[in-house]
Amino acid sequence: MHSPEIHAEVRRLAATGINDCEIARRLSVPRTTVRDIRKPRYRRKTVDVACPRCWLPAAPLRLNASEYAYLLGLYLGDGCIQRVGRTYSFRLSMDAKYPRILAEAREVMARCSPTGRVSQHLAGPAKTVAVLCVY
């Protein structure tokens, strides 16, 4: 990890048109470090916000009153929250005979948790239960 001054100098030299190898020579850092400063391969998807309950970092949720009430009703009827690895998953188990309700629930879950991944699969002996999960 290099200082903010090195990062600023790499960006300044790159803006003048100097290539990565020359910048690395001038600053005595590896060329791959210069490359990673100029074009990072990893960018965070979201800015973490503090959870209002435990104050740990959490992904932001976008809920309005009607979506919250809808998801709360689904949770109280058919849902659970389960631990998956180092995170938690909101999971709904619903009857697959009602594809419109499944599609609406999936849409609301995806809209409320934009950084989460919503998955759906059929379960049960006759594949009659659809399981929706947000990770």
N, C-alpha and C. Protein backbone atom coordinates (compact mmCIF):
# COMPACT_ATOMS: atom_id res chain seq x y z
N MET A 1 0.83 -1.15 0.00
CA MET A 1 0.00 0.00 0.00
C MET A 1 0.89 1.23 0.00
N HIS A 2 0.66 2.10 -0.94
CA HIS A 2 1.49 3.31 -1.07
C HIS A 2 0.75 4.52 -0.56
N SER A 3 1.53 5.54 -0.28
CA SER A 3 0.96 6.76 0.30
C SER A 3 0.07 7.49 -0.71
N PRO A 4 -0.81 8.35 -0.20
CA PRO A 4 -1.64 9.15 -1.10
C PRO A 4 -0.81 10.05 -2.01
N GLU A 5 0.38 10.46 -1.54
CA GLU A 5 1.26 11.29 -2.37
C GLU A 5 1.72 10.53 -3.61
N ILE A 6 2.07 9.25 -3.44
CA ILE A 6 2.49 8.41 -4.58
C ILE A 6 1.32 8.27 -5.55
N HIS A 7 0.12 8.02 -5.03
CA HIS A 7 -1.05 7.88 -5.89
C HIS A 7 -1.28 9.17 -6.69
N ALA A 8 -1.18 10.30 -6.00
CA ALA A 8 -1.38 11.58 -6.68
C ALA A 8 -0.32 11.83 -7.74
N GLU A 9 0.92 11.49 -7.43
CA GLU A 9 2.01 11.69 -8.39
C GLU A 9 1.86 10.78 -9.61
N VAL A 10 1.43 9.53 -9.39
CA VAL A 10 1.18 8.62 -10.51
C VAL A 10 0.10 9.21 -11.42
N ARG A 11 -0.98 9.69 -10.83
CA ARG A 11 -2.07 10.27 -11.64
C ARG A 11 -1.61 11.54 -12.37
N ARG A 12 -0.80 12.34 -11.69
CA ARG A 12 -0.31 13.58 -12.33
C ARG A 12 0.59 13.27 -13.52
N LEU A 13 1.51 12.31 -13.33
CA LEU A 13 2.42 11.95 -14.43
C LEU A 13 1.65 11.28 -15.56
N ALA A 14 0.67 10.46 -15.23
CA ALA A 14 -0.12 9.79 -16.27
C ALA A 14 -0.92 10.81 -17.07
N ALA A 15 -1.38 11.87 -16.42
CA ALA A 15 -2.14 12.91 -17.13
C ALA A 15 -1.27 13.67 -18.12
N THR A 16 0.03 13.69 -17.90
CA THR A 16 0.92 14.37 -18.84
C THR A 16 1.27 13.48 -20.04
N GLY A 17 0.85 12.22 -20.00
CA GLY A 17 1.07 11.34 -21.14
C GLY A 17 2.23 10.38 -20.98
N ILE A 18 2.82 10.33 -19.82
CA ILE A 18 3.95 9.43 -19.58
C ILE A 18 3.41 8.01 -19.38
N ASN A 19 4.12 7.02 -19.96
CA ASN A 19 3.63 5.64 -19.86
C ASN A 19 3.97 5.03 -18.51
N ASP A 20 3.38 3.87 -18.23
CA ASP A 20 3.51 3.22 -16.93
C ASP A 20 4.95 2.87 -16.59
N CYS A 21 5.72 2.40 -17.57
CA CYS A 21 7.11 2.01 -17.30
C CYS A 21 7.94 3.20 -16.85
N GLU A 22 7.78 4.32 -17.50
CA GLU A 22 8.55 5.51 -17.14
C GLU A 22 8.12 6.04 -15.78
N ILE A 23 6.84 6.02 -15.50
CA ILE A 23 6.35 6.45 -14.18
C ILE A 23 6.94 5.55 -13.10
N ALA A 24 6.97 4.25 -13.34
CA ALA A 24 7.53 3.30 -12.37
C ALA A 24 9.00 3.58 -12.13
N ARG A 25 9.76 3.88 -13.18
CA ARG A 25 11.18 4.20 -13.02
C ARG A 25 11.36 5.47 -12.20
N ARG A 26 10.60 6.50 -12.51
CA ARG A 26 10.75 7.79 -11.82
C ARG A 26 10.39 7.69 -10.33
N LEU A 27 9.40 6.90 -10.00
CA LEU A 27 8.93 6.83 -8.62
C LEU A 27 9.48 5.63 -7.85
N SER A 28 10.22 4.76 -8.52
CA SER A 28 10.79 3.56 -7.92
C SER A 28 9.72 2.65 -7.30
N VAL A 29 8.69 2.42 -8.07
CA VAL A 29 7.64 1.48 -7.68
C VAL A 29 7.46 0.49 -8.82
N PRO A 30 6.91 -0.68 -8.56
CA PRO A 30 6.68 -1.64 -9.64
C PRO A 30 5.69 -1.11 -10.69
N ARG A 31 5.89 -1.52 -11.93
CA ARG A 31 5.01 -1.09 -13.01
C ARG A 31 3.57 -1.54 -12.77
N THR A 32 3.40 -2.73 -12.18
CA THR A 32 2.05 -3.22 -11.92
C THR A 32 1.35 -2.35 -10.87
N THR A 33 2.12 -1.78 -9.96
CA THR A 33 1.54 -0.86 -8.98
C THR A 33 1.03 0.38 -9.68
N VAL A 34 1.80 0.89 -10.61
CA VAL A 34 1.37 2.06 -11.39
C VAL A 34 0.10 1.72 -12.16
N ARG A 35 0.08 0.56 -12.77
CA ARG A 35 -1.11 0.14 -13.51
C ARG A 35 -2.33 0.06 -12.61
N ASP A 36 -2.14 -0.54 -11.43
CA ASP A 36 -3.27 -0.69 -10.51
C ASP A 36 -3.76 0.64 -9.95
N ILE A 37 -2.87 1.60 -9.81
CA ILE A 37 -3.29 2.93 -9.36
C ILE A 37 -4.06 3.64 -10.47
N ARG A 38 -3.58 3.51 -11.70
CA ARG A 38 -4.25 4.18 -12.82
C ARG A 38 -5.57 3.53 -13.19
N LYS A 39 -5.60 2.21 -13.21
CA LYS A 39 -6.80 1.47 -13.61
C LYS A 39 -7.03 0.33 -12.63
N PRO A 40 -7.64 0.62 -11.49
CA PRO A 40 -7.86 -0.46 -10.51
C PRO A 40 -8.77 -1.54 -11.06
N ARG A 41 -8.42 -2.79 -10.77
CA ARG A 41 -9.22 -3.91 -11.25
C ARG A 41 -10.42 -4.17 -10.36
N TYR A 42 -10.36 -3.70 -9.14
CA TYR A 42 -11.46 -3.94 -8.21
C TYR A 42 -12.00 -2.60 -7.73
N ARG A 43 -13.29 -2.44 -7.86
CA ARG A 43 -13.96 -1.26 -7.32
C ARG A 43 -15.12 -1.75 -6.47
N ARG A 44 -15.29 -1.14 -5.33
CA ARG A 44 -16.41 -1.50 -4.47
C ARG A 44 -17.71 -1.17 -5.17
N LYS A 45 -18.68 -2.05 -5.04
CA LYS A 45 -19.98 -1.82 -5.65
C LYS A 45 -20.75 -0.74 -4.92
N THR A 46 -20.65 -0.73 -3.63
CA THR A 46 -21.45 0.20 -2.85
C THR A 46 -20.60 0.86 -1.78
N VAL A 47 -21.13 1.90 -1.26
CA VAL A 47 -20.55 2.53 -0.09
C VAL A 47 -21.29 1.96 1.11
N ASP A 48 -20.56 1.40 2.04
CA ASP A 48 -21.21 0.81 3.20
C ASP A 48 -21.81 1.89 4.08
N VAL A 49 -22.94 1.62 4.62
CA VAL A 49 -23.58 2.49 5.59
C VAL A 49 -23.69 1.70 6.89
N ALA A 50 -23.85 2.39 7.98
CA ALA A 50 -23.96 1.72 9.26
C ALA A 50 -25.36 1.15 9.43
N CYS A 51 -25.43 -0.08 9.90
CA CYS A 51 -26.71 -0.70 10.21
C CYS A 51 -27.31 0.03 11.40
N PRO A 52 -28.57 0.45 11.32
CA PRO A 52 -29.16 1.18 12.45
C PRO A 52 -29.35 0.33 13.70
N ARG A 53 -29.25 -0.98 13.53
CA ARG A 53 -29.47 -1.87 14.68
C ARG A 53 -28.17 -2.21 15.40
N CYS A 54 -27.12 -2.59 14.63
CA CYS A 54 -25.88 -3.05 15.26
C CYS A 54 -24.68 -2.15 14.96
N TRP A 55 -24.83 -1.16 14.11
CA TRP A 55 -23.79 -0.20 13.72
C TRP A 55 -22.63 -0.79 12.96
N LEU A 56 -22.78 -2.01 12.47
CA LEU A 56 -21.76 -2.59 11.60
C LEU A 56 -22.02 -2.15 10.17
N PRO A 57 -21.00 -2.20 9.28
CA PRO A 57 -21.23 -1.81 7.89
C PRO A 57 -22.27 -2.70 7.22
N ALA A 58 -23.13 -2.10 6.44
CA ALA A 58 -24.19 -2.85 5.75
C ALA A 58 -24.45 -2.19 4.40
N ALA A 59 -24.91 -2.98 3.45
CA ALA A 59 -25.29 -2.44 2.15
C ALA A 59 -26.58 -1.63 2.31
N PRO A 60 -26.71 -0.53 1.57
CA PRO A 60 -27.91 0.27 1.72
C PRO A 60 -29.14 -0.43 1.14
N LEU A 61 -30.27 -0.23 1.77
CA LEU A 61 -31.55 -0.75 1.29
C LEU A 61 -32.42 0.42 0.88
N ARG A 62 -33.20 0.23 -0.16
CA ARG A 62 -34.10 1.28 -0.62
C ARG A 62 -35.53 0.79 -0.46
N LEU A 63 -36.14 1.15 0.62
CA LEU A 63 -37.51 0.70 0.89
C LEU A 63 -38.42 1.90 1.07
N ASN A 64 -39.54 1.89 0.38
CA ASN A 64 -40.58 2.85 0.73
C ASN A 64 -41.60 2.11 1.60
N ALA A 65 -42.58 2.83 2.11
CA ALA A 65 -43.51 2.24 3.07
C ALA A 65 -44.30 1.07 2.49
N SER A 66 -44.75 1.18 1.25
CA SER A 66 -45.56 0.10 0.68
C SER A 66 -44.72 -1.14 0.40
N GLU A 67 -43.47 -0.96 -0.08
CA GLU A 67 -42.60 -2.12 -0.33
C GLU A 67 -42.23 -2.80 0.99
N TYR A 68 -41.97 -1.99 2.00
CA TYR A 68 -41.65 -2.55 3.31
C TYR A 68 -42.81 -3.39 3.83
N ALA A 69 -44.01 -2.84 3.74
CA ALA A 69 -45.19 -3.57 4.21
C ALA A 69 -45.40 -4.86 3.42
N TYR A 70 -45.19 -4.80 2.11
CA TYR A 70 -45.35 -5.99 1.26
C TYR A 70 -44.35 -7.07 1.65
N LEU A 71 -43.06 -6.69 1.76
CA LEU A 71 -42.04 -7.68 2.12
C LEU A 71 -42.22 -8.19 3.54
N LEU A 72 -42.66 -7.33 4.46
CA LEU A 72 -42.93 -7.78 5.82
C LEU A 72 -44.06 -8.81 5.83
N GLY A 73 -45.09 -8.56 5.05
CA GLY A 73 -46.19 -9.52 4.97
C GLY A 73 -45.74 -10.85 4.40
N LEU A 74 -44.91 -10.82 3.35
CA LEU A 74 -44.38 -12.07 2.80
C LEU A 74 -43.49 -12.78 3.81
N TYR A 75 -42.66 -12.01 4.51
CA TYR A 75 -41.77 -12.60 5.50
C TYR A 75 -42.56 -13.27 6.62
N LEU A 76 -43.59 -12.59 7.12
CA LEU A 76 -44.38 -13.15 8.21
C LEU A 76 -45.16 -14.39 7.76
N GLY A 77 -45.55 -14.42 6.49
CA GLY A 77 -46.29 -15.57 5.99
C GLY A 77 -45.41 -16.72 5.56
N ASP A 78 -44.39 -16.45 4.76
CA ASP A 78 -43.61 -17.53 4.13
C ASP A 78 -42.10 -17.34 4.22
N GLY A 79 -41.61 -16.44 5.04
CA GLY A 79 -40.20 -16.10 4.97
C GLY A 79 -39.38 -16.49 6.17
N CYS A 80 -38.08 -16.36 6.00
CA CYS A 80 -37.14 -16.54 7.09
C CYS A 80 -35.86 -15.80 6.73
N ILE A 81 -35.05 -15.56 7.73
CA ILE A 81 -33.73 -14.97 7.52
C ILE A 81 -32.75 -16.03 8.00
N GLN A 82 -31.82 -16.40 7.12
CA GLN A 82 -30.89 -17.46 7.48
C GLN A 82 -29.47 -17.00 7.25
N ARG A 83 -28.57 -17.54 8.04
CA ARG A 83 -27.16 -17.21 7.92
C ARG A 83 -26.57 -18.06 6.80
N VAL A 84 -25.87 -17.39 5.87
CA VAL A 84 -25.20 -18.06 4.76
C VAL A 84 -23.75 -17.58 4.76
N GLY A 85 -22.85 -18.42 5.21
CA GLY A 85 -21.46 -18.01 5.29
C GLY A 85 -21.29 -16.87 6.28
N ARG A 86 -20.77 -15.73 5.79
CA ARG A 86 -20.57 -14.58 6.66
C ARG A 86 -21.64 -13.52 6.49
N THR A 87 -22.74 -13.89 5.86
CA THR A 87 -23.80 -12.92 5.63
C THR A 87 -25.15 -13.56 5.94
N TYR A 88 -26.20 -12.81 5.74
CA TYR A 88 -27.55 -13.31 5.97
C TYR A 88 -28.34 -13.24 4.69
N SER A 89 -29.31 -14.11 4.58
CA SER A 89 -30.15 -14.19 3.39
C SER A 89 -31.61 -14.06 3.80
N PHE A 90 -32.36 -13.27 3.04
CA PHE A 90 -33.81 -13.17 3.22
C PHE A 90 -34.41 -14.17 2.26
N ARG A 91 -35.16 -15.14 2.79
CA ARG A 91 -35.62 -16.26 1.97
C ARG A 91 -37.14 -16.41 2.08
N LEU A 92 -37.77 -16.58 0.94
CA LEU A 92 -39.21 -16.81 0.88
C LEU A 92 -39.47 -18.16 0.23
N SER A 93 -40.37 -18.94 0.79
CA SER A 93 -40.79 -20.21 0.19
C SER A 93 -42.27 -20.07 -0.15
N MET A 94 -42.58 -20.08 -1.44
CA MET A 94 -43.94 -19.83 -1.88
C MET A 94 -44.39 -20.92 -2.85
N ASP A 95 -45.69 -21.02 -3.04
CA ASP A 95 -46.26 -21.99 -3.96
C ASP A 95 -45.96 -21.57 -5.40
N ALA A 96 -45.42 -22.48 -6.20
CA ALA A 96 -45.05 -22.18 -7.58
C ALA A 96 -46.26 -22.06 -8.50
N LYS A 97 -47.46 -22.34 -8.00
CA LYS A 97 -48.67 -22.24 -8.82
C LYS A 97 -49.04 -20.79 -9.11
N TYR A 98 -48.41 -19.85 -8.44
CA TYR A 98 -48.76 -18.44 -8.58
C TYR A 98 -47.57 -17.64 -9.12
N PRO A 99 -47.29 -17.78 -10.42
CA PRO A 99 -46.10 -17.14 -10.98
C PRO A 99 -46.15 -15.61 -10.92
N ARG A 100 -47.34 -15.03 -10.95
CA ARG A 100 -47.43 -13.57 -10.90
C ARG A 100 -46.99 -13.04 -9.53
N ILE A 101 -47.39 -13.73 -8.48
CA ILE A 101 -46.97 -13.33 -7.14
C ILE A 101 -45.46 -13.51 -6.99
N LEU A 102 -44.94 -14.61 -7.53
CA LEU A 102 -43.49 -14.85 -7.47
C LEU A 102 -42.73 -13.75 -8.21
N ALA A 103 -43.21 -13.38 -9.39
CA ALA A 103 -42.53 -12.35 -10.17
C ALA A 103 -42.57 -11.01 -9.45
N GLU A 104 -43.69 -10.68 -8.84
CA GLU A 104 -43.81 -9.42 -8.12
C GLU A 104 -42.90 -9.41 -6.90
N ALA A 105 -42.86 -10.51 -6.17
CA ALA A 105 -41.99 -10.59 -5.00
C ALA A 105 -40.53 -10.48 -5.40
N ARG A 106 -40.17 -11.15 -6.48
CA ARG A 106 -38.79 -11.07 -6.96
C ARG A 106 -38.42 -9.65 -7.37
N GLU A 107 -39.34 -8.98 -8.05
CA GLU A 107 -39.11 -7.60 -8.49
C GLU A 107 -38.92 -6.66 -7.30
N VAL A 108 -39.77 -6.78 -6.29
CA VAL A 108 -39.67 -5.92 -5.10
C VAL A 108 -38.38 -6.21 -4.35
N MET A 109 -38.01 -7.48 -4.22
CA MET A 109 -36.77 -7.83 -3.54
C MET A 109 -35.55 -7.25 -4.27
N ALA A 110 -35.54 -7.33 -5.58
CA ALA A 110 -34.42 -6.80 -6.36
C ALA A 110 -34.37 -5.28 -6.29
N ARG A 111 -35.53 -4.64 -6.29
CA ARG A 111 -35.56 -3.18 -6.24
C ARG A 111 -35.13 -2.66 -4.88
N CYS A 112 -35.48 -3.36 -3.82
CA CYS A 112 -35.15 -2.91 -2.47
C CYS A 112 -33.70 -3.18 -2.08
N SER A 113 -33.09 -4.17 -2.67
CA SER A 113 -31.70 -4.49 -2.38
C SER A 113 -30.91 -4.51 -3.69
N PRO A 114 -30.55 -3.32 -4.20
CA PRO A 114 -29.92 -3.26 -5.52
C PRO A 114 -28.57 -3.95 -5.60
N THR A 115 -27.85 -4.07 -4.48
CA THR A 115 -26.56 -4.74 -4.52
C THR A 115 -26.67 -6.22 -4.23
N GLY A 116 -27.86 -6.67 -3.80
CA GLY A 116 -28.06 -8.09 -3.49
C GLY A 116 -28.34 -8.89 -4.75
N ARG A 117 -28.20 -10.18 -4.63
CA ARG A 117 -28.47 -11.08 -5.73
C ARG A 117 -29.73 -11.85 -5.41
N VAL A 118 -30.72 -11.75 -6.26
CA VAL A 118 -31.99 -12.45 -6.05
C VAL A 118 -31.96 -13.73 -6.87
N SER A 119 -32.17 -14.84 -6.23
CA SER A 119 -32.19 -16.11 -6.95
C SER A 119 -33.52 -16.80 -6.70
N GLN A 120 -33.88 -17.69 -7.62
CA GLN A 120 -35.13 -18.42 -7.51
C GLN A 120 -34.89 -19.84 -7.98
N HIS A 121 -35.42 -20.79 -7.24
CA HIS A 121 -35.36 -22.18 -7.69
C HIS A 121 -36.59 -22.92 -7.18
N LEU A 122 -36.89 -24.01 -7.84
CA LEU A 122 -38.03 -24.86 -7.46
C LEU A 122 -37.53 -25.96 -6.54
N ALA A 123 -38.34 -26.26 -5.52
CA ALA A 123 -37.94 -27.27 -4.55
C ALA A 123 -39.13 -28.16 -4.24
N GLY A 124 -38.94 -29.07 -3.34
CA GLY A 124 -40.02 -29.97 -2.95
C GLY A 124 -40.06 -31.19 -3.84
N PRO A 125 -40.80 -32.22 -3.45
CA PRO A 125 -40.83 -33.46 -4.21
C PRO A 125 -41.40 -33.29 -5.62
N ALA A 126 -42.40 -32.43 -5.78
CA ALA A 126 -43.00 -32.24 -7.11
C ALA A 126 -42.61 -30.89 -7.69
N LYS A 127 -41.57 -30.28 -7.13
CA LYS A 127 -41.12 -28.95 -7.55
C LYS A 127 -42.28 -27.95 -7.52
N THR A 128 -42.99 -27.99 -6.42
CA THR A 128 -44.15 -27.12 -6.28
C THR A 128 -43.86 -25.89 -5.42
N VAL A 129 -42.68 -25.83 -4.84
CA VAL A 129 -42.33 -24.70 -3.97
C VAL A 129 -41.25 -23.88 -4.65
N ALA A 130 -41.50 -22.61 -4.81
CA ALA A 130 -40.49 -21.71 -5.35
C ALA A 130 -39.81 -20.99 -4.19
N VAL A 131 -38.49 -20.98 -4.20
CA VAL A 131 -37.73 -20.34 -3.14
C VAL A 131 -37.03 -19.13 -3.73
N LEU A 132 -37.29 -17.96 -3.15
CA LEU A 132 -36.63 -16.72 -3.54
C LEU A 132 -35.66 -16.35 -2.44
N CYS A 133 -34.45 -15.97 -2.81
CA CYS A 133 -33.45 -15.59 -1.82
C CYS A 133 -32.78 -14.29 -2.27
N VAL A 134 -32.48 -13.43 -1.30
CA VAL A 134 -31.62 -12.26 -1.53
C VAL A 134 -30.40 -12.47 -0.69
N TYR A 135 -29.23 -12.46 -1.34
CA TYR A 135 -27.96 -12.61 -0.63
C TYR A 135 -27.30 -11.27 -0.54
